[in-house]
Amino acid sequence: MAHKITLYLCFIFSMLIAESVFSQSLYENNTPVENIEGLSIYPNPVSNGKVYIITKGNFNKEVEIYNVLGKRILKKTLTSKELNIAQLKAGVYIIKVTEKNIAATRKLIIK
């Protein structure tokens, strides 16, 4: 029982660290810009091995996926909206999307 509580606390702690490390921001003229306009990542949770990432501008995107410990496990440049994540195991991840030097992060759940 104590082992499960320790794992749970480690998970919560790592999610808090990941959120602070991967917060979305860009500084232009010392003014923070905090959104990729129209960013949508679906389906979430993912069960078919593919996730779709769309934005209003639909520019090329740099996509990075991190595990809950903050280790980058996938990095790809997308020219379309589809990202194949079939090689990832079920779990909780952090997905970082960068488009035109603006970065945003979201939680991604794979079933």
N, C-alpha and C. Protein backbone atom coordinates (compact mmCIF):
# COMPACT_ATOMS: atom_id res chain seq x y z
N MET A 1 0.82 -1.19 0.00
CA MET A 1 0.00 0.00 0.00
C MET A 1 0.86 1.26 0.00
N ALA A 2 1.90 1.28 0.84
CA ALA A 2 2.79 2.44 0.90
C ALA A 2 3.50 2.64 -0.44
N HIS A 3 3.82 1.54 -1.12
CA HIS A 3 4.48 1.62 -2.43
C HIS A 3 3.57 2.31 -3.44
N LYS A 4 2.28 1.99 -3.43
CA LYS A 4 1.33 2.62 -4.36
C LYS A 4 1.20 4.10 -4.07
N ILE A 5 1.17 4.47 -2.81
CA ILE A 5 1.06 5.89 -2.44
C ILE A 5 2.31 6.64 -2.90
N THR A 6 3.47 6.02 -2.72
CA THR A 6 4.73 6.65 -3.15
C THR A 6 4.73 6.85 -4.66
N LEU A 7 4.31 5.84 -5.42
CA LEU A 7 4.25 5.96 -6.87
C LEU A 7 3.27 7.05 -7.28
N TYR A 8 2.14 7.11 -6.61
CA TYR A 8 1.14 8.12 -6.92
C TYR A 8 1.69 9.52 -6.65
N LEU A 9 2.36 9.71 -5.54
CA LEU A 9 2.93 11.01 -5.21
C LEU A 9 4.03 11.40 -6.20
N CYS A 10 4.84 10.43 -6.61
CA CYS A 10 5.87 10.69 -7.62
C CYS A 10 5.24 11.12 -8.94
N PHE A 11 4.15 10.47 -9.30
CA PHE A 11 3.44 10.81 -10.53
C PHE A 11 2.91 12.25 -10.46
N ILE A 12 2.26 12.59 -9.37
CA ILE A 12 1.72 13.94 -9.20
C ILE A 12 2.84 14.97 -9.24
N PHE A 13 3.93 14.71 -8.54
CA PHE A 13 5.06 15.61 -8.50
C PHE A 13 5.65 15.80 -9.90
N SER A 14 5.80 14.70 -10.65
CA SER A 14 6.38 14.81 -11.99
C SER A 14 5.46 15.58 -12.93
N MET A 15 4.15 15.45 -12.77
CA MET A 15 3.20 16.20 -13.60
C MET A 15 3.32 17.69 -13.30
N LEU A 16 3.49 18.05 -12.03
CA LEU A 16 3.65 19.46 -11.67
C LEU A 16 4.94 20.03 -12.25
N ILE A 17 6.01 19.25 -12.19
CA ILE A 17 7.28 19.69 -12.75
C ILE A 17 7.15 19.85 -14.27
N ALA A 18 6.54 18.86 -14.91
CA ALA A 18 6.40 18.91 -16.37
C ALA A 18 5.58 20.13 -16.78
N GLU A 19 4.54 20.43 -16.04
CA GLU A 19 3.70 21.57 -16.39
C GLU A 19 4.48 22.88 -16.28
N SER A 20 5.31 22.99 -15.25
CA SER A 20 6.08 24.22 -15.11
C SER A 20 7.20 24.31 -16.14
N VAL A 21 7.82 23.18 -16.48
CA VAL A 21 8.91 23.17 -17.44
C VAL A 21 8.40 23.41 -18.85
N PHE A 22 7.25 22.84 -19.19
CA PHE A 22 6.75 22.91 -20.54
C PHE A 22 5.61 23.91 -20.70
N SER A 23 5.59 24.95 -19.88
CA SER A 23 4.53 25.95 -20.00
C SER A 23 4.64 26.62 -21.36
N GLN A 24 3.50 27.02 -21.88
CA GLN A 24 3.51 27.60 -23.21
C GLN A 24 3.81 29.09 -23.13
N SER A 25 4.82 29.52 -23.86
CA SER A 25 5.11 30.95 -23.90
C SER A 25 6.10 31.28 -25.00
N LEU A 26 6.05 32.52 -25.42
CA LEU A 26 7.00 33.08 -26.37
C LEU A 26 7.09 34.55 -26.04
N TYR A 27 8.28 35.09 -26.10
CA TYR A 27 8.44 36.50 -25.81
C TYR A 27 8.80 37.24 -27.08
N GLU A 28 7.91 38.12 -27.52
CA GLU A 28 8.16 38.99 -28.65
C GLU A 28 8.10 40.41 -28.11
N ASN A 29 9.18 41.15 -28.27
CA ASN A 29 9.25 42.52 -27.75
C ASN A 29 8.95 42.55 -26.26
N ASN A 30 9.44 41.54 -25.54
CA ASN A 30 9.25 41.41 -24.09
C ASN A 30 7.79 41.25 -23.69
N THR A 31 6.93 40.86 -24.63
CA THR A 31 5.52 40.64 -24.34
C THR A 31 5.23 39.16 -24.52
N PRO A 32 4.74 38.47 -23.47
CA PRO A 32 4.47 37.04 -23.64
C PRO A 32 3.25 36.79 -24.52
N VAL A 33 3.40 35.84 -25.42
CA VAL A 33 2.29 35.36 -26.24
C VAL A 33 2.07 33.92 -25.81
N GLU A 34 0.85 33.56 -25.44
CA GLU A 34 0.67 32.28 -24.78
C GLU A 34 -0.25 31.30 -25.47
N ASN A 35 -0.56 31.48 -26.71
CA ASN A 35 -1.46 30.54 -27.37
C ASN A 35 -1.06 30.28 -28.81
N ILE A 36 -1.28 29.05 -29.22
CA ILE A 36 -1.28 28.73 -30.64
C ILE A 36 -2.76 28.79 -31.01
N GLU A 37 -3.09 29.72 -31.85
CA GLU A 37 -4.50 29.98 -32.14
C GLU A 37 -5.18 28.74 -32.75
N GLY A 38 -6.28 28.36 -32.13
CA GLY A 38 -7.08 27.25 -32.62
C GLY A 38 -6.47 25.87 -32.41
N LEU A 39 -5.52 25.73 -31.49
CA LEU A 39 -4.88 24.43 -31.27
C LEU A 39 -5.88 23.41 -30.77
N SER A 40 -5.92 22.28 -31.45
CA SER A 40 -6.79 21.17 -31.05
C SER A 40 -6.00 19.87 -31.25
N ILE A 41 -5.99 19.05 -30.20
CA ILE A 41 -5.32 17.75 -30.24
C ILE A 41 -6.38 16.70 -29.92
N TYR A 42 -6.66 15.83 -30.86
CA TYR A 42 -7.72 14.84 -30.66
C TYR A 42 -7.40 13.55 -31.39
N PRO A 43 -7.98 12.43 -31.04
CA PRO A 43 -8.77 12.20 -29.83
C PRO A 43 -7.85 12.15 -28.61
N ASN A 44 -8.39 12.45 -27.50
CA ASN A 44 -7.64 12.39 -26.24
C ASN A 44 -8.62 11.99 -25.15
N PRO A 45 -8.57 10.76 -24.69
CA PRO A 45 -7.53 9.75 -24.83
C PRO A 45 -7.49 9.10 -26.22
N VAL A 46 -6.30 8.64 -26.57
CA VAL A 46 -6.03 8.02 -27.87
C VAL A 46 -6.09 6.51 -27.70
N SER A 47 -6.77 5.84 -28.63
CA SER A 47 -6.80 4.38 -28.56
C SER A 47 -6.49 3.73 -29.91
N ASN A 48 -6.37 4.53 -30.97
CA ASN A 48 -6.15 3.96 -32.30
C ASN A 48 -4.74 4.15 -32.84
N GLY A 49 -3.83 4.73 -32.04
CA GLY A 49 -2.45 4.89 -32.48
C GLY A 49 -2.20 6.14 -33.31
N LYS A 50 -3.21 6.97 -33.51
CA LYS A 50 -3.04 8.20 -34.27
C LYS A 50 -3.69 9.35 -33.52
N VAL A 51 -3.01 10.48 -33.52
CA VAL A 51 -3.56 11.68 -32.92
C VAL A 51 -3.50 12.78 -33.99
N TYR A 52 -4.48 13.65 -33.97
CA TYR A 52 -4.58 14.72 -34.96
C TYR A 52 -4.35 16.05 -34.26
N ILE A 53 -3.49 16.86 -34.85
CA ILE A 53 -3.14 18.15 -34.28
C ILE A 53 -3.45 19.21 -35.33
N ILE A 54 -4.39 20.08 -34.99
CA ILE A 54 -4.77 21.12 -35.93
C ILE A 54 -4.67 22.49 -35.26
N THR A 55 -4.41 23.48 -36.07
CA THR A 55 -4.38 24.87 -35.61
C THR A 55 -5.06 25.73 -36.67
N LYS A 56 -5.37 26.94 -36.29
CA LYS A 56 -6.02 27.84 -37.23
C LYS A 56 -5.11 28.15 -38.42
N GLY A 57 -3.81 28.38 -38.14
CA GLY A 57 -2.86 28.70 -39.21
C GLY A 57 -2.44 27.51 -40.05
N ASN A 58 -2.52 26.31 -39.49
CA ASN A 58 -2.16 25.07 -40.16
C ASN A 58 -0.75 25.11 -40.77
N PHE A 59 0.21 25.67 -40.02
CA PHE A 59 1.60 25.69 -40.43
C PHE A 59 2.28 24.39 -40.00
N ASN A 60 3.52 24.18 -40.47
CA ASN A 60 4.30 23.04 -40.00
C ASN A 60 4.47 23.14 -38.49
N LYS A 61 4.48 21.99 -37.84
CA LYS A 61 4.58 21.95 -36.38
C LYS A 61 5.71 21.03 -35.95
N GLU A 62 6.42 21.44 -34.92
CA GLU A 62 7.39 20.57 -34.25
C GLU A 62 6.65 19.96 -33.07
N VAL A 63 6.59 18.64 -33.02
CA VAL A 63 5.86 17.95 -31.96
C VAL A 63 6.84 17.11 -31.15
N GLU A 64 6.78 17.28 -29.84
CA GLU A 64 7.61 16.50 -28.93
C GLU A 64 6.69 15.86 -27.90
N ILE A 65 6.96 14.60 -27.57
CA ILE A 65 6.19 13.91 -26.55
C ILE A 65 7.16 13.49 -25.45
N TYR A 66 6.76 13.78 -24.22
CA TYR A 66 7.57 13.49 -23.04
C TYR A 66 6.81 12.54 -22.12
N ASN A 67 7.55 11.66 -21.44
CA ASN A 67 6.90 10.83 -20.43
C ASN A 67 6.73 11.66 -19.16
N VAL A 68 6.12 11.10 -18.14
CA VAL A 68 5.82 11.86 -16.93
C VAL A 68 7.08 12.22 -16.14
N LEU A 69 8.20 11.62 -16.47
CA LEU A 69 9.45 11.97 -15.81
C LEU A 69 10.18 13.08 -16.55
N GLY A 70 9.61 13.54 -17.66
CA GLY A 70 10.20 14.65 -18.41
C GLY A 70 11.18 14.23 -19.48
N LYS A 71 11.29 12.93 -19.75
CA LYS A 71 12.21 12.44 -20.79
C LYS A 71 11.50 12.49 -22.15
N ARG A 72 12.15 13.14 -23.12
CA ARG A 72 11.57 13.20 -24.46
C ARG A 72 11.66 11.83 -25.10
N ILE A 73 10.52 11.33 -25.57
CA ILE A 73 10.49 10.00 -26.17
C ILE A 73 10.11 10.02 -27.64
N LEU A 74 9.68 11.19 -28.13
CA LEU A 74 9.33 11.31 -29.55
C LEU A 74 9.50 12.76 -29.98
N LYS A 75 10.07 12.95 -31.16
CA LYS A 75 10.20 14.29 -31.73
C LYS A 75 9.99 14.18 -33.23
N LYS A 76 9.02 14.92 -33.75
CA LYS A 76 8.72 14.88 -35.18
C LYS A 76 8.29 16.25 -35.66
N THR A 77 8.53 16.50 -36.94
CA THR A 77 8.01 17.69 -37.59
C THR A 77 6.80 17.25 -38.42
N LEU A 78 5.67 17.90 -38.18
CA LEU A 78 4.45 17.55 -38.90
C LEU A 78 4.19 18.55 -40.02
N THR A 79 3.93 18.03 -41.20
CA THR A 79 3.50 18.88 -42.31
C THR A 79 2.01 18.68 -42.57
N SER A 80 1.44 17.66 -41.93
CA SER A 80 0.01 17.40 -42.01
C SER A 80 -0.53 17.43 -40.59
N LYS A 81 -1.76 17.00 -40.42
CA LYS A 81 -2.34 17.04 -39.08
C LYS A 81 -2.24 15.72 -38.32
N GLU A 82 -1.81 14.64 -38.97
CA GLU A 82 -1.80 13.31 -38.36
C GLU A 82 -0.43 12.94 -37.79
N LEU A 83 -0.42 12.45 -36.55
CA LEU A 83 0.80 11.98 -35.90
C LEU A 83 0.59 10.53 -35.50
N ASN A 84 1.46 9.64 -35.97
CA ASN A 84 1.39 8.23 -35.62
C ASN A 84 2.11 8.01 -34.30
N ILE A 85 1.37 7.53 -33.30
CA ILE A 85 1.96 7.27 -31.98
C ILE A 85 1.74 5.81 -31.58
N ALA A 86 1.57 4.95 -32.57
CA ALA A 86 1.31 3.53 -32.30
C ALA A 86 2.43 2.86 -31.52
N GLN A 87 3.65 3.40 -31.61
CA GLN A 87 4.79 2.79 -30.92
C GLN A 87 4.82 3.12 -29.43
N LEU A 88 3.98 4.03 -28.97
CA LEU A 88 3.96 4.40 -27.56
C LEU A 88 3.05 3.49 -26.76
N LYS A 89 3.47 3.17 -25.56
CA LYS A 89 2.68 2.32 -24.67
C LYS A 89 1.57 3.14 -24.02
N ALA A 90 0.58 2.44 -23.50
CA ALA A 90 -0.51 3.10 -22.79
C ALA A 90 0.06 3.87 -21.60
N GLY A 91 -0.47 5.06 -21.37
CA GLY A 91 0.00 5.86 -20.25
C GLY A 91 -0.33 7.33 -20.43
N VAL A 92 0.22 8.14 -19.56
CA VAL A 92 0.02 9.58 -19.58
C VAL A 92 1.31 10.23 -20.06
N TYR A 93 1.19 11.16 -21.00
CA TYR A 93 2.32 11.84 -21.59
C TYR A 93 2.06 13.34 -21.64
N ILE A 94 3.11 14.10 -21.88
CA ILE A 94 3.01 15.52 -22.14
C ILE A 94 3.36 15.71 -23.61
N ILE A 95 2.48 16.41 -24.35
CA ILE A 95 2.75 16.68 -25.75
C ILE A 95 3.01 18.17 -25.89
N LYS A 96 4.12 18.50 -26.53
CA LYS A 96 4.51 19.89 -26.76
C LYS A 96 4.44 20.16 -28.25
N VAL A 97 3.67 21.16 -28.63
CA VAL A 97 3.51 21.53 -30.03
C VAL A 97 4.09 22.92 -30.21
N THR A 98 4.99 23.07 -31.19
CA THR A 98 5.57 24.37 -31.49
C THR A 98 5.24 24.72 -32.93
N GLU A 99 4.65 25.89 -33.11
CA GLU A 99 4.29 26.38 -34.44
C GLU A 99 4.67 27.85 -34.52
N LYS A 100 5.50 28.19 -35.48
CA LYS A 100 5.95 29.59 -35.66
C LYS A 100 6.52 30.16 -34.37
N ASN A 101 7.37 29.40 -33.71
CA ASN A 101 8.07 29.80 -32.48
C ASN A 101 7.15 30.01 -31.28
N ILE A 102 5.94 29.53 -31.35
CA ILE A 102 5.03 29.55 -30.20
C ILE A 102 4.83 28.10 -29.77
N ALA A 103 5.04 27.84 -28.48
CA ALA A 103 4.93 26.48 -27.97
C ALA A 103 3.74 26.37 -27.02
N ALA A 104 3.07 25.22 -27.08
CA ALA A 104 1.96 24.92 -26.17
C ALA A 104 2.09 23.47 -25.74
N THR A 105 1.69 23.18 -24.52
CA THR A 105 1.74 21.81 -24.03
C THR A 105 0.36 21.38 -23.59
N ARG A 106 0.14 20.08 -23.69
CA ARG A 106 -1.11 19.47 -23.25
C ARG A 106 -0.80 18.10 -22.67
N LYS A 107 -1.70 17.60 -21.87
CA LYS A 107 -1.60 16.23 -21.38
C LYS A 107 -2.19 15.33 -22.46
N LEU A 108 -1.53 14.20 -22.72
CA LEU A 108 -1.99 13.24 -23.72
C LEU A 108 -2.11 11.89 -23.04
N ILE A 109 -3.26 11.27 -23.16
CA ILE A 109 -3.49 9.95 -22.56
C ILE A 109 -3.62 8.92 -23.68
N ILE A 110 -2.86 7.84 -23.56
CA ILE A 110 -2.92 6.76 -24.54
C ILE A 110 -3.47 5.54 -23.83
N LYS A 111 -4.52 4.96 -24.40
CA LYS A 111 -5.14 3.74 -23.82
C LYS A 111 -4.62 2.51 -24.51
